[in-house]
Amino acid sequence: MKKTACIFTLMLVIASSASAKRKHNPSGLMPPPMPPHAPAYHRPMAPSLDKDAFKRILKLVKKQSFDTGKLDMIEAIAMLGQFSSAQCAELLGTFSFDNDRLKALKVLRHTLTDMNDGDRILKTFQFISSREQAMNMLISQH
């Protein structure tokens, strides 16, 4: 039930952002997210979330007191949109521990639209062993 509430809240955030852009995109529709199991080379490149929608989502994630709540939000977010590597790094930076960052990256890596700031993602990890695990995750995805 908790994840359903997260998904509904996030859908409202994204929908309100899309409706604000209707003058540039008359349909106001976002491309559907690709299933998380689809390999990167089979996914068409979709634009990452716009700055306003991402700011709202980041604010919702930061409101979560514990990393488990943040991870629940990340799992819900991953079903709704695509993220740039810079946006992914910002989301990972909200976690307190590398272990939880790795869990979040495992979910978010399927939503990445680019790897231009892959180093920024890796810099969010405090320990070299965690960076290596993250790098292996990203390499296996892209």
C-alpha atoms as a PDB file:
ATOM      1  CA  MET A   1       0.000   0.000   0.000  1.00  0.00           C
ATOM      2  CA  LYS A   2       2.855   2.338   0.842  1.00  0.00           C
ATOM      3  CA  LYS A   3       4.452   1.900  -2.601  1.00  0.00           C
ATOM      4  CA  THR A   4       1.099   2.554  -4.263  1.00  0.00           C
ATOM      5  CA  ALA A   5       0.865   5.882  -2.436  1.00  0.00           C
ATOM      6  CA  CYS A   6       4.432   6.731  -3.510  1.00  0.00           C
ATOM      7  CA  ILE A   7       3.652   5.916  -7.125  1.00  0.00           C
ATOM      8  CA  PHE A   8       0.461   7.963  -7.071  1.00  0.00           C
ATOM      9  CA  THR A   9       2.260  10.973  -5.552  1.00  0.00           C
ATOM     10  CA  LEU A  10       5.053  10.760  -8.086  1.00  0.00           C
ATOM     11  CA  MET A  11       2.611  10.438 -10.968  1.00  0.00           C
ATOM     12  CA  LEU A  12       0.950  13.663  -9.806  1.00  0.00           C
ATOM     13  CA  VAL A  13       4.330  15.423  -9.684  1.00  0.00           C
ATOM     14  CA  ILE A  14       5.233  14.333 -13.186  1.00  0.00           C
ATOM     15  CA  ALA A  15       1.751  15.033 -14.547  1.00  0.00           C
ATOM     16  CA  SER A  16       1.740  18.557 -13.130  1.00  0.00           C
ATOM     17  CA  SER A  17       5.112  19.201 -14.720  1.00  0.00           C
ATOM     18  CA  ALA A  18       3.875  17.845 -18.052  1.00  0.00           C
ATOM     19  CA  SER A  19       0.744  19.991 -17.959  1.00  0.00           C
ATOM     20  CA  ALA A  20       2.869  23.100 -17.414  1.00  0.00           C
ATOM     21  CA  LYS A  21       4.726  22.315 -20.650  1.00  0.00           C
ATOM     22  CA  ARG A  22       1.658  21.801 -22.845  1.00  0.00           C
ATOM     23  CA  LYS A  23       2.310  24.954 -24.819  1.00  0.00           C
ATOM     24  CA  HIS A  24       5.528  23.306 -26.071  1.00  0.00           C
ATOM     25  CA  ASN A  25       4.099  19.781 -26.186  1.00  0.00           C
ATOM     26  CA  PRO A  26       0.365  20.010 -26.943  1.00  0.00           C
ATOM     27  CA  SER A  27      -0.379  16.397 -26.079  1.00  0.00           C
ATOM     28  CA  GLY A  28       1.322  16.744 -22.678  1.00  0.00           C
ATOM     29  CA  LEU A  29       2.164  13.061 -22.788  1.00  0.00           C
ATOM     30  CA  MET A  30       5.447  11.629 -21.617  1.00  0.00           C
ATOM     31  CA  PRO A  31       6.924   8.622 -23.388  1.00  0.00           C
ATOM     32  CA  PRO A  32       6.150   5.429 -21.484  1.00  0.00           C
ATOM     33  CA  PRO A  33       9.000   4.152 -19.326  1.00  0.00           C
ATOM     34  CA  MET A  34      10.769   1.074 -20.568  1.00  0.00           C
ATOM     35  CA  PRO A  35      10.564  -2.068 -18.468  1.00  0.00           C
ATOM     36  CA  PRO A  36      13.481  -2.336 -16.035  1.00  0.00           C
ATOM     37  CA  HIS A  37      14.568  -5.648 -17.541  1.00  0.00           C
ATOM     38  CA  ALA A  38      15.096  -4.213 -21.042  1.00  0.00           C
ATOM     39  CA  PRO A  39      18.809  -3.987 -21.879  1.00  0.00           C
ATOM     40  CA  ALA A  40      20.085  -0.468 -22.541  1.00  0.00           C
ATOM     41  CA  TYR A  41      20.940  -1.165 -26.168  1.00  0.00           C
ATOM     42  CA  HIS A  42      17.303  -2.139 -26.839  1.00  0.00           C
ATOM     43  CA  ARG A  43      15.813   0.923 -25.193  1.00  0.00           C
ATOM     44  CA  PRO A  44      15.180   4.043 -27.240  1.00  0.00           C
ATOM     45  CA  MET A  45      16.806   7.054 -25.635  1.00  0.00           C
ATOM     46  CA  ALA A  46      14.108   9.047 -23.923  1.00  0.00           C
ATOM     47  CA  PRO A  47      14.698  12.435 -22.378  1.00  0.00           C
ATOM     48  CA  SER A  48      15.365  12.521 -18.662  1.00  0.00           C
ATOM     49  CA  LEU A  49      12.914  14.269 -16.377  1.00  0.00           C
ATOM     50  CA  ASP A  50      12.848  18.037 -16.690  1.00  0.00           C
ATOM     51  CA  LYS A  51      14.390  20.160 -13.924  1.00  0.00           C
ATOM     52  CA  ASP A  52      11.110  21.109 -12.248  1.00  0.00           C
ATOM     53  CA  ALA A  53       9.777  17.563 -12.008  1.00  0.00           C
ATOM     54  CA  PHE A  54      13.145  16.312 -10.794  1.00  0.00           C
ATOM     55  CA  LYS A  55      13.351  18.996  -8.096  1.00  0.00           C
ATOM     56  CA  ARG A  56       9.929  17.946  -6.801  1.00  0.00           C
ATOM     57  CA  ILE A  57      10.904  14.278  -6.799  1.00  0.00           C
ATOM     58  CA  LEU A  58      14.208  14.999  -5.066  1.00  0.00           C
ATOM     59  CA  LYS A  59      12.342  16.976  -2.413  1.00  0.00           C
ATOM     60  CA  LEU A  60       9.981  14.027  -1.825  1.00  0.00           C
ATOM     61  CA  VAL A  61      12.906  11.632  -1.500  1.00  0.00           C
ATOM     62  CA  LYS A  62      14.723  13.937   0.929  1.00  0.00           C
ATOM     63  CA  LYS A  63      11.603  14.124   3.116  1.00  0.00           C
ATOM     64  CA  GLN A  64      11.958  10.416   3.882  1.00  0.00           C
ATOM     65  CA  SER A  65      13.577   9.996   7.301  1.00  0.00           C
ATOM     66  CA  PHE A  66      15.145   6.604   6.695  1.00  0.00           C
ATOM     67  CA  ASP A  67      17.025   5.097   3.780  1.00  0.00           C
ATOM     68  CA  THR A  68      14.427   2.316   3.496  1.00  0.00           C
ATOM     69  CA  GLY A  69      11.760   4.943   2.777  1.00  0.00           C
ATOM     70  CA  LYS A  70      14.059   6.605   0.248  1.00  0.00           C
ATOM     71  CA  LEU A  71      14.649   3.261  -1.433  1.00  0.00           C
ATOM     72  CA  ASP A  72      10.886   2.659  -1.643  1.00  0.00           C
ATOM     73  CA  MET A  73      10.531   6.069  -3.314  1.00  0.00           C
ATOM     74  CA  ILE A  74      13.377   5.303  -5.737  1.00  0.00           C
ATOM     75  CA  GLU A  75      11.720   2.022  -6.716  1.00  0.00           C
ATOM     76  CA  ALA A  76       8.479   3.888  -7.427  1.00  0.00           C
ATOM     77  CA  ILE A  77      10.284   6.659  -9.303  1.00  0.00           C
ATOM     78  CA  ALA A  78      12.132   4.188 -11.512  1.00  0.00           C
ATOM     79  CA  MET A  79       8.809   2.967 -12.915  1.00  0.00           C
ATOM     80  CA  LEU A  80       7.771   6.464 -13.958  1.00  0.00           C
ATOM     81  CA  GLY A  81      10.654   8.078 -15.760  1.00  0.00           C
ATOM     82  CA  GLN A  82      14.154   8.246 -17.119  1.00  0.00           C
ATOM     83  CA  PHE A  83      17.042  10.007 -15.381  1.00  0.00           C
ATOM     84  CA  SER A  84      20.308  11.565 -16.434  1.00  0.00           C
ATOM     85  CA  SER A  85      23.459  10.372 -14.714  1.00  0.00           C
ATOM     86  CA  ALA A  86      23.648  13.731 -12.900  1.00  0.00           C
ATOM     87  CA  GLN A  87      20.097  13.273 -11.573  1.00  0.00           C
ATOM     88  CA  CYS A  88      20.946   9.727 -10.518  1.00  0.00           C
ATOM     89  CA  ALA A  89      23.985  10.989  -8.616  1.00  0.00           C
ATOM     90  CA  GLU A  90      21.822  13.544  -6.785  1.00  0.00           C
ATOM     91  CA  LEU A  91      19.344  10.843  -5.780  1.00  0.00           C
ATOM     92  CA  LEU A  92      22.142   8.552  -4.604  1.00  0.00           C
ATOM     93  CA  GLY A  93      23.598  11.407  -2.564  1.00  0.00           C
ATOM     94  CA  THR A  94      20.500  11.419  -0.353  1.00  0.00           C
ATOM     95  CA  PHE A  95      21.426   8.028   1.123  1.00  0.00           C
ATOM     96  CA  SER A  96      23.527   7.718   4.266  1.00  0.00           C
ATOM     97  CA  PHE A  97      25.317   4.444   3.507  1.00  0.00           C
ATOM     98  CA  ASP A  98      27.030   2.922   0.485  1.00  0.00           C
ATOM     99  CA  ASN A  99      25.073  -0.305   0.869  1.00  0.00           C
ATOM    100  CA  ASP A 100      21.803   1.558   0.360  1.00  0.00           C
ATOM    101  CA  ARG A 101      23.299   3.595  -2.504  1.00  0.00           C
ATOM    102  CA  LEU A 102      24.196   0.327  -4.245  1.00  0.00           C
ATOM    103  CA  LYS A 103      20.615  -0.909  -3.817  1.00  0.00           C
ATOM    104  CA  ALA A 104      19.285   2.332  -5.287  1.00  0.00           C
ATOM    105  CA  LEU A 105      21.762   2.251  -8.168  1.00  0.00           C
ATOM    106  CA  LYS A 106      20.700  -1.288  -8.962  1.00  0.00           C
ATOM    107  CA  VAL A 107      17.185   0.083  -9.505  1.00  0.00           C
ATOM    108  CA  LEU A 108      18.148   3.370 -11.183  1.00  0.00           C
ATOM    109  CA  ARG A 109      20.750   2.029 -13.622  1.00  0.00           C
ATOM    110  CA  HIS A 110      17.961   0.783 -15.884  1.00  0.00           C
ATOM    111  CA  THR A 111      16.554   4.309 -16.167  1.00  0.00           C
ATOM    112  CA  LEU A 112      19.741   6.157 -17.148  1.00  0.00           C
ATOM    113  CA  THR A 113      19.554   8.117 -20.383  1.00  0.00           C
ATOM    114  CA  ASP A 114      23.264   8.883 -20.551  1.00  0.00           C
ATOM    115  CA  MET A 115      26.579   8.147 -18.941  1.00  0.00           C
ATOM    116  CA  ASN A 116      28.100  11.597 -19.419  1.00  0.00           C
ATOM    117  CA  ASP A 117      28.567  12.021 -15.663  1.00  0.00           C
ATOM    118  CA  GLY A 118      29.254   8.409 -14.754  1.00  0.00           C
ATOM    119  CA  ASP A 119      32.152   9.575 -12.595  1.00  0.00           C
ATOM    120  CA  ARG A 120      29.747  11.726 -10.616  1.00  0.00           C
ATOM    121  CA  ILE A 121      27.695   8.631  -9.811  1.00  0.00           C
ATOM    122  CA  LEU A 122      30.807   6.788  -8.654  1.00  0.00           C
ATOM    123  CA  LYS A 123      31.915   9.719  -6.472  1.00  0.00           C
ATOM    124  CA  THR A 124      28.783   9.371  -4.341  1.00  0.00           C
ATOM    125  CA  PHE A 125      30.270   6.176  -2.885  1.00  0.00           C
ATOM    126  CA  GLN A 126      32.608   6.518   0.091  1.00  0.00           C
ATOM    127  CA  PHE A 127      34.496   3.231  -0.198  1.00  0.00           C
ATOM    128  CA  ILE A 128      36.583   1.932  -3.106  1.00  0.00           C
ATOM    129  CA  SER A 129      34.937  -1.493  -2.919  1.00  0.00           C
ATOM    130  CA  SER A 130      31.511   0.140  -3.285  1.00  0.00           C
ATOM    131  CA  ARG A 131      32.739   2.219  -6.250  1.00  0.00           C
ATOM    132  CA  GLU A 132      33.994  -0.930  -7.932  1.00  0.00           C
ATOM    133  CA  GLN A 133      30.633  -2.644  -7.418  1.00  0.00           C
ATOM    134  CA  ALA A 134      28.847   0.424  -8.782  1.00  0.00           C
ATOM    135  CA  MET A 135      31.166   0.569 -11.792  1.00  0.00           C
ATOM    136  CA  ASN A 136      30.511  -3.106 -12.529  1.00  0.00           C
ATOM    137  CA  MET A 137      26.770  -2.456 -12.336  1.00  0.00           C
ATOM    138  CA  LEU A 138      27.000   0.447 -14.747  1.00  0.00           C
ATOM    139  CA  ILE A 139      29.264  -1.413 -17.173  1.00  0.00           C
ATOM    140  CA  SER A 140      26.957  -4.426 -17.213  1.00  0.00           C
ATOM    141  CA  GLN A 141      24.020  -2.112 -17.945  1.00  0.00           C
ATOM    142  CA  HIS A 142      25.565  -0.067 -20.745  1.00  0.00           C
END
